[in-house]
Amino acid sequence: MPEKPKPTAPRLAKFELVGDPELKAEAGDALTPGAKFKAVLSDGKPAVGQKVVFAVEADTTGGTVFQADKKDSAVVLTDAQGFAGVPALTAGPKDGTFSFRASAYDADNFTVVLKGTVTAKPVANLLVRADHGTKPLEAVVGTSVRDFQLVATSEGRPVVGTKTSAGLGVKGADGVWVPVDPAKATGPYFKGQDGKKLFTVDLAPSGADGKITLPELFTTDVEPGTYFLRVITPEKVELVLELKITAPATPTPTPTPTPTATAAKP
């Protein structure tokens, strides 16, 4: 009897996108895709252990890469259900677009291409006081101003990562900011790590809530008066804070009691 033909091994028959196809993030941020891909064999069963190649191509974002190894391609094997999830990416440092290709290879080449977008991070266009106050900051000579916060915002929303610097000075008649002369300054000051007085400091970038915390501002041996502190971004967005430093209250002297005359006994 002639031998029966051996059954043909199932082949990859379908490779399709499942889940959210959107690939969008702000520059430099983590990009966790919701997309995954399913591979199905010709017998209708999941293609288990199928190699899937993901690649970032036609990239104008300055380098969108996979987080794990900082490369623009990655290989993933499908799981028991035939699914291959897209590994986490890091968006490139500038706004732009890229093509995202997912390919599964068998006798045929199955490919799905998605479009990715990286948008520029918002830039703060306003610095405001976190306490929404409008009165000058006040301190008594010898005390300090601490834990004072500002908020970096753009269109009313907090902006993370805003860099600022703070410096003592005044605005001249022409509106130009004039920093204090460190050699002659008698006003409030910050302290460096070595304890030396500083009149200009770079502040830590704003947090996720847009908040910027000023370092402690000292007033020891400062002359009472009104001073000004400017906080400014690299884009020249600024906020000038008025500082009112007052002299310690003079204690009211306690009156000396008048001795009571003692009547002489007869």
C-alpha atoms as a PDB file:
ATOM      1  CA  MET A   1       0.000   0.000   0.000  1.00  0.00           C
ATOM      2  CA  PRO A   2       1.243   3.445  -0.754  1.00  0.00           C
ATOM      3  CA  GLU A   3       2.373   5.431   2.270  1.00  0.00           C
ATOM      4  CA  LYS A   4      -0.060   7.991   3.555  1.00  0.00           C
ATOM      5  CA  PRO A   5       1.207  11.538   3.087  1.00  0.00           C
ATOM      6  CA  LYS A   6       2.478  13.050   6.275  1.00  0.00           C
ATOM      7  CA  PRO A   7       0.252  15.818   7.597  1.00  0.00           C
ATOM      8  CA  THR A   8       1.504  19.266   6.816  1.00  0.00           C
ATOM      9  CA  ALA A   9       2.628  21.183   9.907  1.00  0.00           C
ATOM     10  CA  PRO A  10       0.417  24.188  10.621  1.00  0.00           C
ATOM     11  CA  ARG A  11       1.883  27.414   9.369  1.00  0.00           C
ATOM     12  CA  LEU A  12       1.480  30.983  10.455  1.00  0.00           C
ATOM     13  CA  ALA A  13      -1.715  32.178   8.840  1.00  0.00           C
ATOM     14  CA  LYS A  14      -2.647  35.382  10.589  1.00  0.00           C
ATOM     15  CA  PHE A  15      -0.836  38.178  12.413  1.00  0.00           C
ATOM     16  CA  GLU A  16      -2.988  41.021  13.657  1.00  0.00           C
ATOM     17  CA  LEU A  17      -3.072  44.016  15.954  1.00  0.00           C
ATOM     18  CA  VAL A  18      -5.032  43.691  19.170  1.00  0.00           C
ATOM     19  CA  GLY A  19      -5.584  46.566  21.601  1.00  0.00           C
ATOM     20  CA  ASP A  20      -4.913  50.299  21.468  1.00  0.00           C
ATOM     21  CA  PRO A  21      -2.847  51.274  18.416  1.00  0.00           C
ATOM     22  CA  GLU A  22      -1.965  54.740  19.729  1.00  0.00           C
ATOM     23  CA  LEU A  23       1.720  55.413  20.251  1.00  0.00           C
ATOM     24  CA  LYS A  24       1.970  58.911  21.670  1.00  0.00           C
ATOM     25  CA  ALA A  25       4.068  60.539  24.406  1.00  0.00           C
ATOM     26  CA  GLU A  26       5.801  63.763  25.345  1.00  0.00           C
ATOM     27  CA  ALA A  27       9.489  64.135  24.548  1.00  0.00           C
ATOM     28  CA  GLY A  28      11.697  62.043  26.811  1.00  0.00           C
ATOM     29  CA  ASP A  29       8.816  60.328  28.599  1.00  0.00           C
ATOM     30  CA  ALA A  30       8.160  56.637  29.031  1.00  0.00           C
ATOM     31  CA  LEU A  31       5.844  55.252  26.392  1.00  0.00           C
ATOM     32  CA  THR A  32       3.942  52.141  27.475  1.00  0.00           C
ATOM     33  CA  PRO A  33       2.048  50.871  24.420  1.00  0.00           C
ATOM     34  CA  GLY A  34      -1.377  49.334  24.877  1.00  0.00           C
ATOM     35  CA  ALA A  35      -0.979  47.483  21.599  1.00  0.00           C
ATOM     36  CA  LYS A  36      -0.205  43.797  21.322  1.00  0.00           C
ATOM     37  CA  PHE A  37      -0.189  41.403  18.415  1.00  0.00           C
ATOM     38  CA  LYS A  38      -1.710  37.959  17.963  1.00  0.00           C
ATOM     39  CA  ALA A  39      -0.272  35.203  15.788  1.00  0.00           C
ATOM     40  CA  VAL A  40      -2.582  32.396  14.615  1.00  0.00           C
ATOM     41  CA  LEU A  41      -1.686  29.162  12.825  1.00  0.00           C
ATOM     42  CA  SER A  42      -3.422  27.734   9.785  1.00  0.00           C
ATOM     43  CA  ASP A  43      -5.251  25.221  11.992  1.00  0.00           C
ATOM     44  CA  GLY A  44      -6.752  28.090  13.992  1.00  0.00           C
ATOM     45  CA  LYS A  45      -4.602  27.522  17.044  1.00  0.00           C
ATOM     46  CA  PRO A  46      -2.395  30.198  18.633  1.00  0.00           C
ATOM     47  CA  ALA A  47       1.141  30.361  17.299  1.00  0.00           C
ATOM     48  CA  VAL A  48       3.073  29.717  20.506  1.00  0.00           C
ATOM     49  CA  GLY A  49       6.698  30.849  20.666  1.00  0.00           C
ATOM     50  CA  GLN A  50       6.458  32.745  17.392  1.00  0.00           C
ATOM     51  CA  LYS A  51       9.248  35.273  16.998  1.00  0.00           C
ATOM     52  CA  VAL A  52       7.954  38.827  16.547  1.00  0.00           C
ATOM     53  CA  VAL A  53      10.316  41.655  15.633  1.00  0.00           C
ATOM     54  CA  PHE A  54       9.439  45.211  16.654  1.00  0.00           C
ATOM     55  CA  ALA A  55      11.330  48.129  15.111  1.00  0.00           C
ATOM     56  CA  VAL A  56      11.254  51.912  15.246  1.00  0.00           C
ATOM     57  CA  GLU A  57      11.841  53.367  11.781  1.00  0.00           C
ATOM     58  CA  ALA A  58      11.716  56.717   9.962  1.00  0.00           C
ATOM     59  CA  ASP A  59      12.291  58.385  13.327  1.00  0.00           C
ATOM     60  CA  THR A  60      12.402  62.190  13.481  1.00  0.00           C
ATOM     61  CA  THR A  61      12.214  62.405  17.300  1.00  0.00           C
ATOM     62  CA  GLY A  62      15.948  62.248  17.929  1.00  0.00           C
ATOM     63  CA  GLY A  63      15.858  58.645  19.108  1.00  0.00           C
ATOM     64  CA  THR A  64      12.758  56.803  20.305  1.00  0.00           C
ATOM     65  CA  VAL A  65      14.107  53.521  21.704  1.00  0.00           C
ATOM     66  CA  PHE A  66      13.096  50.491  23.728  1.00  0.00           C
ATOM     67  CA  GLN A  67      13.731  51.048  27.422  1.00  0.00           C
ATOM     68  CA  ALA A  68      15.366  47.710  28.141  1.00  0.00           C
ATOM     69  CA  ASP A  69      18.482  48.078  25.988  1.00  0.00           C
ATOM     70  CA  LYS A  70      18.161  51.570  24.482  1.00  0.00           C
ATOM     71  CA  LYS A  71      17.947  50.112  20.967  1.00  0.00           C
ATOM     72  CA  ASP A  72      15.464  50.784  18.185  1.00  0.00           C
ATOM     73  CA  SER A  73      14.457  47.132  17.761  1.00  0.00           C
ATOM     74  CA  ALA A  74      13.364  44.267  19.988  1.00  0.00           C
ATOM     75  CA  VAL A  75      12.375  40.617  19.607  1.00  0.00           C
ATOM     76  CA  VAL A  76       9.490  39.088  21.560  1.00  0.00           C
ATOM     77  CA  LEU A  77       8.158  35.520  21.542  1.00  0.00           C
ATOM     78  CA  THR A  78       4.400  34.998  21.600  1.00  0.00           C
ATOM     79  CA  ASP A  79       2.879  33.469  24.726  1.00  0.00           C
ATOM     80  CA  ALA A  80       0.593  30.447  25.151  1.00  0.00           C
ATOM     81  CA  GLN A  81      -2.305  32.403  23.660  1.00  0.00           C
ATOM     82  CA  GLY A  82      -0.246  33.608  20.714  1.00  0.00           C
ATOM     83  CA  PHE A  83       0.098  37.168  21.978  1.00  0.00           C
ATOM     84  CA  ALA A  84       3.208  39.362  21.839  1.00  0.00           C
ATOM     85  CA  GLY A  85       3.103  42.572  23.842  1.00  0.00           C
ATOM     86  CA  VAL A  86       5.040  45.654  22.765  1.00  0.00           C
ATOM     87  CA  PRO A  87       7.917  46.372  25.188  1.00  0.00           C
ATOM     88  CA  ALA A  88       8.090  49.776  26.870  1.00  0.00           C
ATOM     89  CA  LEU A  89       9.682  52.573  24.879  1.00  0.00           C
ATOM     90  CA  THR A  90      11.312  55.874  25.750  1.00  0.00           C
ATOM     91  CA  ALA A  91      10.164  58.746  23.545  1.00  0.00           C
ATOM     92  CA  GLY A  92      12.840  60.710  21.748  1.00  0.00           C
ATOM     93  CA  PRO A  93      14.097  64.045  23.108  1.00  0.00           C
ATOM     94  CA  LYS A  94      12.253  66.213  20.596  1.00  0.00           C
ATOM     95  CA  ASP A  95       8.871  66.369  18.936  1.00  0.00           C
ATOM     96  CA  GLY A  96       8.392  64.377  15.770  1.00  0.00           C
ATOM     97  CA  THR A  97       7.023  61.127  14.370  1.00  0.00           C
ATOM     98  CA  PHE A  98       8.156  57.584  13.766  1.00  0.00           C
ATOM     99  CA  SER A  99       6.946  54.401  12.113  1.00  0.00           C
ATOM    100  CA  PHE A 100       6.537  51.345  14.315  1.00  0.00           C
ATOM    101  CA  ARG A 101       6.818  48.016  12.512  1.00  0.00           C
ATOM    102  CA  ALA A 102       5.782  44.640  13.953  1.00  0.00           C
ATOM    103  CA  SER A 103       6.765  41.612  11.889  1.00  0.00           C
ATOM    104  CA  ALA A 104       6.296  37.852  12.238  1.00  0.00           C
ATOM    105  CA  TYR A 105       8.225  35.607   9.873  1.00  0.00           C
ATOM    106  CA  ASP A 106       7.275  32.191   8.534  1.00  0.00           C
ATOM    107  CA  ALA A 107       7.002  31.098   4.926  1.00  0.00           C
ATOM    108  CA  ASP A 108       5.430  34.493   4.512  1.00  0.00           C
ATOM    109  CA  ASN A 109       6.238  37.829   6.055  1.00  0.00           C
ATOM    110  CA  PHE A 110       3.407  39.257   8.152  1.00  0.00           C
ATOM    111  CA  THR A 111       3.859  42.919   8.961  1.00  0.00           C
ATOM    112  CA  VAL A 112       1.785  45.587  10.693  1.00  0.00           C
ATOM    113  CA  VAL A 113       2.933  49.219  10.683  1.00  0.00           C
ATOM    114  CA  LEU A 114       1.749  51.832  13.176  1.00  0.00           C
ATOM    115  CA  LYS A 115       2.482  55.546  13.407  1.00  0.00           C
ATOM    116  CA  GLY A 116       3.974  57.066  16.550  1.00  0.00           C
ATOM    117  CA  THR A 117       3.977  60.700  17.656  1.00  0.00           C
ATOM    118  CA  VAL A 118       6.179  62.524  20.150  1.00  0.00           C
ATOM    119  CA  THR A 119       5.056  65.974  21.237  1.00  0.00           C
ATOM    120  CA  ALA A 120       7.190  68.666  22.824  1.00  0.00           C
ATOM    121  CA  LYS A 121       6.906  69.074  26.572  1.00  0.00           C
ATOM    122  CA  PRO A 122       4.901  72.133  27.568  1.00  0.00           C
ATOM    123  CA  VAL A 123       6.991  75.117  28.617  1.00  0.00           C
ATOM    124  CA  ALA A 124       5.968  77.139  31.654  1.00  0.00           C
ATOM    125  CA  ASN A 125       4.596  80.542  30.696  1.00  0.00           C
ATOM    126  CA  LEU A 126       3.736  81.669  34.218  1.00  0.00           C
ATOM    127  CA  LEU A 127       5.202  81.384  37.713  1.00  0.00           C
ATOM    128  CA  VAL A 128       2.769  81.874  40.592  1.00  0.00           C
ATOM    129  CA  ARG A 129       2.895  81.658  44.354  1.00  0.00           C
ATOM    130  CA  ALA A 130       1.642  78.331  45.652  1.00  0.00           C
ATOM    131  CA  ASP A 131      -0.113  80.130  48.511  1.00  0.00           C
ATOM    132  CA  HIS A 132      -1.819  82.520  46.046  1.00  0.00           C
ATOM    133  CA  GLY A 133      -0.720  85.365  48.322  1.00  0.00           C
ATOM    134  CA  THR A 134      -0.069  88.899  47.185  1.00  0.00           C
ATOM    135  CA  LYS A 135       1.398  90.448  50.321  1.00  0.00           C
ATOM    136  CA  PRO A 136       5.181  90.670  50.797  1.00  0.00           C
ATOM    137  CA  LEU A 137       6.947  87.771  52.457  1.00  0.00           C
ATOM    138  CA  GLU A 138       7.798  88.858  55.982  1.00  0.00           C
ATOM    139  CA  ALA A 139      10.514  87.774  58.372  1.00  0.00           C
ATOM    140  CA  VAL A 140      12.058  89.205  61.512  1.00  0.00           C
ATOM    141  CA  VAL A 141      15.814  89.772  61.479  1.00  0.00           C
ATOM    142  CA  GLY A 142      17.473  86.574  62.667  1.00  0.00           C
ATOM    143  CA  THR A 143      14.706  84.276  61.452  1.00  0.00           C
ATOM    144  CA  SER A 144      14.445  82.727  57.985  1.00  0.00           C
ATOM    145  CA  VAL A 145      11.983  82.191  55.167  1.00  0.00           C
ATOM    146  CA  ARG A 146      11.642  78.471  54.530  1.00  0.00           C
ATOM    147  CA  ASP A 147       9.487  75.954  52.650  1.00  0.00           C
ATOM    148  CA  PHE A 148       8.134  78.691  50.384  1.00  0.00           C
ATOM    149  CA  GLN A 149       6.835  77.317  47.086  1.00  0.00           C
ATOM    150  CA  LEU A 150       6.011  78.541  43.613  1.00  0.00           C
ATOM    151  CA  VAL A 151       4.162  76.741  40.821  1.00  0.00           C
ATOM    152  CA  ALA A 152       5.259  76.626  37.181  1.00  0.00           C
ATOM    153  CA  THR A 153       2.224  76.564  34.902  1.00  0.00           C
ATOM    154  CA  SER A 154       1.282  76.579  31.243  1.00  0.00           C
ATOM    155  CA  GLU A 155      -2.266  77.558  30.327  1.00  0.00           C
ATOM    156  CA  GLY A 156      -3.223  77.068  33.958  1.00  0.00           C
ATOM    157  CA  ARG A 157      -1.771  73.558  34.215  1.00  0.00           C
ATOM    158  CA  PRO A 158       1.306  72.589  36.248  1.00  0.00           C
ATOM    159  CA  VAL A 159       4.483  71.958  34.274  1.00  0.00           C
ATOM    160  CA  VAL A 160       6.989  69.354  35.425  1.00  0.00           C
ATOM    161  CA  GLY A 161      10.734  69.789  34.998  1.00  0.00           C
ATOM    162  CA  THR A 162      10.814  73.592  34.815  1.00  0.00           C
ATOM    163  CA  LYS A 163      14.273  74.906  35.642  1.00  0.00           C
ATOM    164  CA  THR A 164      14.597  78.208  37.459  1.00  0.00           C
ATOM    165  CA  SER A 165      17.134  80.343  39.271  1.00  0.00           C
ATOM    166  CA  ALA A 166      16.545  82.768  42.127  1.00  0.00           C
ATOM    167  CA  GLY A 167      18.503  85.926  42.825  1.00  0.00           C
ATOM    168  CA  LEU A 168      18.358  89.016  45.035  1.00  0.00           C
ATOM    169  CA  GLY A 169      18.347  92.376  43.323  1.00  0.00           C
ATOM    170  CA  VAL A 170      16.182  95.259  42.135  1.00  0.00           C
ATOM    171  CA  LYS A 171      14.629  96.493  38.919  1.00  0.00           C
ATOM    172  CA  GLY A 172      16.236  99.672  37.699  1.00  0.00           C
ATOM    173  CA  ALA A 173      14.424 102.689  36.313  1.00  0.00           C
ATOM    174  CA  ASP A 174      14.632 101.147  32.835  1.00  0.00           C
ATOM    175  CA  GLY A 175      13.040  97.926  34.083  1.00  0.00           C
ATOM    176  CA  VAL A 176      16.267  95.942  33.826  1.00  0.00           C
ATOM    177  CA  TRP A 177      16.976  93.593  36.718  1.00  0.00           C
ATOM    178  CA  VAL A 178      20.126  94.504  38.644  1.00  0.00           C
ATOM    179  CA  PRO A 179      21.562  91.719  40.836  1.00  0.00           C
ATOM    180  CA  VAL A 180      22.974  92.683  44.211  1.00  0.00           C
ATOM    181  CA  ASP A 181      26.708  93.046  44.566  1.00  0.00           C
ATOM    182  CA  PRO A 182      27.799  90.102  46.746  1.00  0.00           C
ATOM    183  CA  ALA A 183      30.674  92.162  48.131  1.00  0.00           C
ATOM    184  CA  LYS A 184      28.341  94.890  49.412  1.00  0.00           C
ATOM    185  CA  ALA A 185      25.042  93.073  49.970  1.00  0.00           C
ATOM    186  CA  THR A 186      23.414  93.499  53.369  1.00  0.00           C
ATOM    187  CA  GLY A 187      20.104  91.800  52.588  1.00  0.00           C
ATOM    188  CA  PRO A 188      18.739  88.247  52.863  1.00  0.00           C
ATOM    189  CA  TYR A 189      20.859  85.437  51.498  1.00  0.00           C
ATOM    190  CA  PHE A 190      20.999  81.718  50.770  1.00  0.00           C
ATOM    191  CA  LYS A 191      23.786  79.441  51.953  1.00  0.00           C
ATOM    192  CA  GLY A 192      26.045  77.213  49.912  1.00  0.00           C
ATOM    193  CA  GLN A 193      27.173  73.770  51.013  1.00  0.00           C
ATOM    194  CA  ASP A 194      30.233  75.387  52.516  1.00  0.00           C
ATOM    195  CA  GLY A 195      28.066  77.767  54.534  1.00  0.00           C
ATOM    196  CA  LYS A 196      29.034  80.817  52.491  1.00  0.00           C
ATOM    197  CA  LYS A 197      26.436  83.420  51.618  1.00  0.00           C
ATOM    198  CA  LEU A 198      24.880  83.124  48.171  1.00  0.00           C
ATOM    199  CA  PHE A 199      22.684  85.709  46.505  1.00  0.00           C
ATOM    200  CA  THR A 200      21.885  83.698  43.376  1.00  0.00           C
ATOM    201  CA  VAL A 201      21.037  79.973  43.280  1.00  0.00           C
ATOM    202  CA  ASP A 202      19.767  77.428  40.769  1.00  0.00           C
ATOM    203  CA  LEU A 203      16.606  75.764  42.012  1.00  0.00           C
ATOM    204  CA  ALA A 204      15.577  72.122  41.689  1.00  0.00           C
ATOM    205  CA  PRO A 205      13.279  71.532  38.673  1.00  0.00           C
ATOM    206  CA  SER A 206       9.543  71.629  39.329  1.00  0.00           C
ATOM    207  CA  GLY A 207       7.922  68.359  40.344  1.00  0.00           C
ATOM    208  CA  ALA A 208       4.953  66.580  38.805  1.00  0.00           C
ATOM    209  CA  ASP A 209       2.688  69.116  40.539  1.00  0.00           C
ATOM    210  CA  GLY A 210       4.669  71.989  39.014  1.00  0.00           C
ATOM    211  CA  LYS A 211       5.915  73.105  42.430  1.00  0.00           C
ATOM    212  CA  ILE A 212       9.304  74.701  43.019  1.00  0.00           C
ATOM    213  CA  THR A 213      10.581  75.035  46.581  1.00  0.00           C
ATOM    214  CA  LEU A 214      12.893  77.907  47.451  1.00  0.00           C
ATOM    215  CA  PRO A 215      15.912  77.071  49.609  1.00  0.00           C
ATOM    216  CA  GLU A 216      15.966  78.571  53.088  1.00  0.00           C
ATOM    217  CA  LEU A 217      16.498  82.317  52.936  1.00  0.00           C
ATOM    218  CA  PHE A 218      18.451  83.653  55.910  1.00  0.00           C
ATOM    219  CA  THR A 219      18.214  87.067  57.566  1.00  0.00           C
ATOM    220  CA  THR A 220      20.895  86.889  60.275  1.00  0.00           C
ATOM    221  CA  ASP A 221      22.566  90.319  60.632  1.00  0.00           C
ATOM    222  CA  VAL A 222      20.403  91.675  57.818  1.00  0.00           C
ATOM    223  CA  GLU A 223      19.392  95.313  57.939  1.00  0.00           C
ATOM    224  CA  PRO A 224      15.622  95.772  58.262  1.00  0.00           C
ATOM    225  CA  GLY A 225      13.989  96.929  55.039  1.00  0.00           C
ATOM    226  CA  THR A 226      12.347  95.840  51.799  1.00  0.00           C
ATOM    227  CA  TYR A 227      14.182  93.513  49.431  1.00  0.00           C
ATOM    228  CA  PHE A 228      13.358  91.775  46.170  1.00  0.00           C
ATOM    229  CA  LEU A 229      13.944  88.241  44.975  1.00  0.00           C
ATOM    230  CA  ARG A 230      13.490  87.288  41.327  1.00  0.00           C
ATOM    231  CA  VAL A 231      12.779  83.728  40.173  1.00  0.00           C
ATOM    232  CA  ILE A 232      13.291  83.269  36.426  1.00  0.00           C
ATOM    233  CA  THR A 233      13.193  80.443  33.865  1.00  0.00           C
ATOM    234  CA  PRO A 234      15.595  79.994  30.914  1.00  0.00           C
ATOM    235  CA  GLU A 235      12.735  81.256  28.720  1.00  0.00           C
ATOM    236  CA  LYS A 236      12.706  84.543  30.731  1.00  0.00           C
ATOM    237  CA  VAL A 237       9.420  83.863  32.520  1.00  0.00           C
ATOM    238  CA  GLU A 238       9.867  85.566  35.882  1.00  0.00           C
ATOM    239  CA  LEU A 239       8.251  86.313  39.202  1.00  0.00           C
ATOM    240  CA  VAL A 240       9.551  89.001  41.544  1.00  0.00           C
ATOM    241  CA  LEU A 241       8.864  88.477  45.237  1.00  0.00           C
ATOM    242  CA  GLU A 242       8.901  91.332  47.731  1.00  0.00           C
ATOM    243  CA  LEU A 243      10.590  90.575  51.047  1.00  0.00           C
ATOM    244  CA  LYS A 244       9.871  92.662  54.112  1.00  0.00           C
ATOM    245  CA  ILE A 245      12.465  92.228  56.852  1.00  0.00           C
ATOM    246  CA  THR A 246      11.593  93.809  60.167  1.00  0.00           C
ATOM    247  CA  ALA A 247      13.593  94.533  63.291  1.00  0.00           C
ATOM    248  CA  PRO A 248      12.973  92.391  66.361  1.00  0.00           C
ATOM    249  CA  ALA A 249      10.401  93.895  68.687  1.00  0.00           C
ATOM    250  CA  THR A 250      11.952  95.934  71.478  1.00  0.00           C
ATOM    251  CA  PRO A 251      10.870  94.444  74.790  1.00  0.00           C
ATOM    252  CA  THR A 252       8.882  96.812  76.982  1.00  0.00           C
ATOM    253  CA  PRO A 253      10.869  97.422  80.162  1.00  0.00           C
ATOM    254  CA  THR A 254       9.215  96.162  83.294  1.00  0.00           C
ATOM    255  CA  PRO A 255       8.700  99.088  85.681  1.00  0.00           C
ATOM    256  CA  THR A 256      10.595  98.841  88.954  1.00  0.00           C
ATOM    257  CA  PRO A 257       8.107  98.728  91.802  1.00  0.00           C
ATOM    258  CA  THR A 258       8.212 101.771  94.121  1.00  0.00           C
ATOM    259  CA  PRO A 259       9.125 100.770  97.692  1.00  0.00           C
ATOM    260  CA  THR A 260       6.185 101.112 100.044  1.00  0.00           C
ATOM    261  CA  ALA A 261       6.902 103.345 103.047  1.00  0.00           C
ATOM    262  CA  THR A 262       6.532 101.534 106.354  1.00  0.00           C
ATOM    263  CA  ALA A 263       4.661 103.495 109.032  1.00  0.00           C
ATOM    264  CA  ALA A 264       6.686 104.062 112.212  1.00  0.00           C
ATOM    265  CA  LYS A 265       5.336 102.359 115.286  1.00  0.00           C
ATOM    266  CA  PRO A 266       4.493 104.678 118.277  1.00  0.00           C
END
